Each structure stands twice: as C-alpha cells, then as structure tokens.
Amino acid sequence: MEGVSIIHIDCHMGVGFIPELFEMYTNLGFEYNVPVLVPYQIKEILNLYKLHAREPEYYFNQIQSLQEKNVPLVDHFLITPCFTRRTAVEGYIPCRLP
C-alpha cells in the first residue's frame, strides 16, 4: 500500500490468539518482515482472553517455534480495558510476565 508504513502487527483484543488464527497472525509478520506482538509467557494472555481451556499445548509449541526462528517475543505489556468510570491511567492492567 502506498504511503502507509507498517511497523508491527498487533493482536487487537486477542483475536490473533484464537487457535484458528494464531499461525496466520504470526505468518503475516514474516510475510511483511515486521514484528508481531506475541508474549513469551502466553499463559496470562490465554487467561485474560478466556482462551486457557483451548489447547494450551498448541500455543506453547508455537512459542517454541517462534523462538527457534529468533522472533523477538514480548516480556510484559499493558492492556487498556474498556471502562467508563476510571481514567486511562487508573484503568491500565499491568500484565507482568516472569
């Protein structure tokens, strides 16, 4: 696309972590040669987006595969949840990954 620089691919609201989309999501990063947001410790993400019951071993295998390809993974991140009564600063949920 002319005039638009893609600098990374983000898994907006966890949709890229749905098992049916995860590989497609990460492959887009390879195709466009840009970083993809994937946390090293994916357990917290799976719990946050209620995906923890869906084949956790699949995700761990995918993380290992990304590491073998030297893909940089995220150590920790912040999530802004939807809220109406708190300010953005108070609304951030720190997801500290070991």
C-alpha atoms as a PDB file:
ATOM      1  CA  MET A   1       0.000   0.000   0.000  1.00  0.00           C
ATOM      2  CA  GLU A   2       1.483   3.331  -0.994  1.00  0.00           C
ATOM      3  CA  GLY A   3       2.070   5.906   1.710  1.00  0.00           C
ATOM      4  CA  VAL A   4       1.499   3.571   4.657  1.00  0.00           C
ATOM      5  CA  SER A   5       4.417   2.134   6.594  1.00  0.00           C
ATOM      6  CA  ILE A   6       3.622  -0.993   8.567  1.00  0.00           C
ATOM      7  CA  ILE A   7       5.859  -1.068  11.638  1.00  0.00           C
ATOM      8  CA  HIS A   8       4.327  -4.013  13.541  1.00  0.00           C
ATOM      9  CA  ILE A   9       1.312  -6.296  13.739  1.00  0.00           C
ATOM     10  CA  ASP A  10      -0.758  -6.223  16.908  1.00  0.00           C
ATOM     11  CA  CYS A  11      -3.216  -8.810  18.121  1.00  0.00           C
ATOM     12  CA  HIS A  12      -6.009  -6.333  18.767  1.00  0.00           C
ATOM     13  CA  MET A  13      -8.131  -7.528  21.693  1.00  0.00           C
ATOM     14  CA  GLY A  14      -6.628 -11.011  21.471  1.00  0.00           C
ATOM     15  CA  VAL A  15      -8.259 -12.030  18.199  1.00  0.00           C
ATOM     16  CA  GLY A  16      -4.922 -13.229  16.783  1.00  0.00           C
ATOM     17  CA  PHE A  17      -4.577 -15.659  19.670  1.00  0.00           C
ATOM     18  CA  ILE A  18      -7.625 -17.648  18.632  1.00  0.00           C
ATOM     19  CA  PRO A  19      -6.094 -21.012  17.658  1.00  0.00           C
ATOM     20  CA  GLU A  20      -7.593 -20.877  14.168  1.00  0.00           C
ATOM     21  CA  LEU A  21      -5.883 -17.510  13.522  1.00  0.00           C
ATOM     22  CA  PHE A  22      -2.649 -17.662  15.519  1.00  0.00           C
ATOM     23  CA  GLU A  23      -0.438 -19.149  12.800  1.00  0.00           C
ATOM     24  CA  MET A  24      -1.891 -16.792  10.178  1.00  0.00           C
ATOM     25  CA  TYR A  25      -1.260 -13.853  12.546  1.00  0.00           C
ATOM     26  CA  THR A  26       2.402 -14.754  13.078  1.00  0.00           C
ATOM     27  CA  ASN A  27       2.973 -15.596   9.408  1.00  0.00           C
ATOM     28  CA  LEU A  28       1.874 -12.074   8.438  1.00  0.00           C
ATOM     29  CA  GLY A  29       4.845 -10.768  10.395  1.00  0.00           C
ATOM     30  CA  PHE A  30       7.186 -12.956   8.354  1.00  0.00           C
ATOM     31  CA  GLU A  31       5.473 -12.014   5.109  1.00  0.00           C
ATOM     32  CA  TYR A  32       5.760  -8.267   5.768  1.00  0.00           C
ATOM     33  CA  ASN A  33       9.034  -8.531   7.710  1.00  0.00           C
ATOM     34  CA  VAL A  34       7.660  -6.699  10.748  1.00  0.00           C
ATOM     35  CA  PRO A  35       7.437  -7.599  14.465  1.00  0.00           C
ATOM     36  CA  VAL A  36       4.347  -9.365  15.748  1.00  0.00           C
ATOM     37  CA  LEU A  37       3.113  -8.892  19.320  1.00  0.00           C
ATOM     38  CA  VAL A  38       3.453 -12.299  20.964  1.00  0.00           C
ATOM     39  CA  PRO A  39       4.236 -12.645  24.674  1.00  0.00           C
ATOM     40  CA  TYR A  40       6.883 -15.124  25.763  1.00  0.00           C
ATOM     41  CA  GLN A  41       4.730 -16.306  28.663  1.00  0.00           C
ATOM     42  CA  ILE A  42       1.417 -16.750  26.869  1.00  0.00           C
ATOM     43  CA  LYS A  43      -0.459 -18.250  29.827  1.00  0.00           C
ATOM     44  CA  GLU A  44      -1.548 -14.823  31.130  1.00  0.00           C
ATOM     45  CA  ILE A  45      -2.879 -13.834  27.692  1.00  0.00           C
ATOM     46  CA  LEU A  46      -4.816 -17.081  27.373  1.00  0.00           C
ATOM     47  CA  ASN A  47      -6.382 -16.486  30.798  1.00  0.00           C
ATOM     48  CA  LEU A  48      -7.112 -12.821  30.061  1.00  0.00           C
ATOM     49  CA  TYR A  49      -8.926 -13.595  26.810  1.00  0.00           C
ATOM     50  CA  LYS A  50     -10.575 -16.750  28.185  1.00  0.00           C
ATOM     51  CA  LEU A  51      -8.633 -18.992  25.801  1.00  0.00           C
ATOM     52  CA  HIS A  52      -6.907 -21.001  28.557  1.00  0.00           C
ATOM     53  CA  ALA A  53      -9.088 -24.067  28.024  1.00  0.00           C
ATOM     54  CA  ARG A  54      -8.325 -24.238  24.296  1.00  0.00           C
ATOM     55  CA  GLU A  55      -5.341 -26.468  23.596  1.00  0.00           C
ATOM     56  CA  PRO A  56      -2.649 -24.686  25.660  1.00  0.00           C
ATOM     57  CA  GLU A  57      -0.018 -27.098  24.343  1.00  0.00           C
ATOM     58  CA  TYR A  58      -0.624 -25.701  20.845  1.00  0.00           C
ATOM     59  CA  TYR A  59       0.415 -22.230  21.985  1.00  0.00           C
ATOM     60  CA  PHE A  60       3.497 -23.464  23.800  1.00  0.00           C
ATOM     61  CA  ASN A  61       4.600 -25.299  20.648  1.00  0.00           C
ATOM     62  CA  GLN A  62       4.030 -22.145  18.587  1.00  0.00           C
ATOM     63  CA  ILE A  63       6.079 -20.054  21.045  1.00  0.00           C
ATOM     64  CA  GLN A  64       8.912 -22.584  20.863  1.00  0.00           C
ATOM     65  CA  SER A  65       8.774 -22.481  17.051  1.00  0.00           C
ATOM     66  CA  LEU A  66       8.943 -18.668  17.063  1.00  0.00           C
ATOM     67  CA  GLN A  67      11.918 -18.760  19.423  1.00  0.00           C
ATOM     68  CA  GLU A  68      13.713 -21.204  17.120  1.00  0.00           C
ATOM     69  CA  LYS A  69      13.199 -18.682  14.293  1.00  0.00           C
ATOM     70  CA  ASN A  70      14.697 -15.929  16.503  1.00  0.00           C
ATOM     71  CA  VAL A  71      11.442 -13.972  16.572  1.00  0.00           C
ATOM     72  CA  PRO A  72      11.581 -11.382  19.372  1.00  0.00           C
ATOM     73  CA  LEU A  73       8.874 -12.013  21.949  1.00  0.00           C
ATOM     74  CA  VAL A  74       7.362  -9.560  24.422  1.00  0.00           C
ATOM     75  CA  ASP A  75       8.321  -9.870  28.104  1.00  0.00           C
ATOM     76  CA  HIS A  76       5.487  -7.725  29.526  1.00  0.00           C
ATOM     77  CA  PHE A  77       2.815  -5.318  28.330  1.00  0.00           C
ATOM     78  CA  LEU A  78      -0.094  -3.151  29.447  1.00  0.00           C
ATOM     79  CA  ILE A  79      -3.701  -3.563  28.408  1.00  0.00           C
ATOM     80  CA  THR A  80      -6.317  -0.818  28.429  1.00  0.00           C
ATOM     81  CA  PRO A  81      -9.648  -2.474  29.192  1.00  0.00           C
ATOM     82  CA  CYS A  82     -12.981  -0.982  28.246  1.00  0.00           C
ATOM     83  CA  PHE A  83     -14.265   1.077  31.130  1.00  0.00           C
ATOM     84  CA  THR A  84     -16.439   4.101  31.701  1.00  0.00           C
ATOM     85  CA  ARG A  85     -15.703   5.407  35.206  1.00  0.00           C
ATOM     86  CA  ARG A  86     -11.938   5.316  35.523  1.00  0.00           C
ATOM     87  CA  THR A  87      -9.253   7.360  33.859  1.00  0.00           C
ATOM     88  CA  ALA A  88      -6.953   5.689  31.372  1.00  0.00           C
ATOM     89  CA  VAL A  89      -4.037   5.768  33.806  1.00  0.00           C
ATOM     90  CA  GLU A  90      -6.057   4.037  36.517  1.00  0.00           C
ATOM     91  CA  GLY A  91      -7.571   1.639  34.015  1.00  0.00           C
ATOM     92  CA  TYR A  92      -4.338   0.055  32.797  1.00  0.00           C
ATOM     93  CA  ILE A  93      -3.940  -3.515  33.904  1.00  0.00           C
ATOM     94  CA  PRO A  94      -0.278  -4.453  34.198  1.00  0.00           C
ATOM     95  CA  CYS A  95       0.336  -7.938  32.848  1.00  0.00           C
ATOM     96  CA  ARG A  96       3.750  -8.644  34.279  1.00  0.00           C
ATOM     97  CA  LEU A  97       5.168 -11.785  32.821  1.00  0.00           C
ATOM     98  CA  PRO A  98       8.015 -13.590  34.597  1.00  0.00           C
END
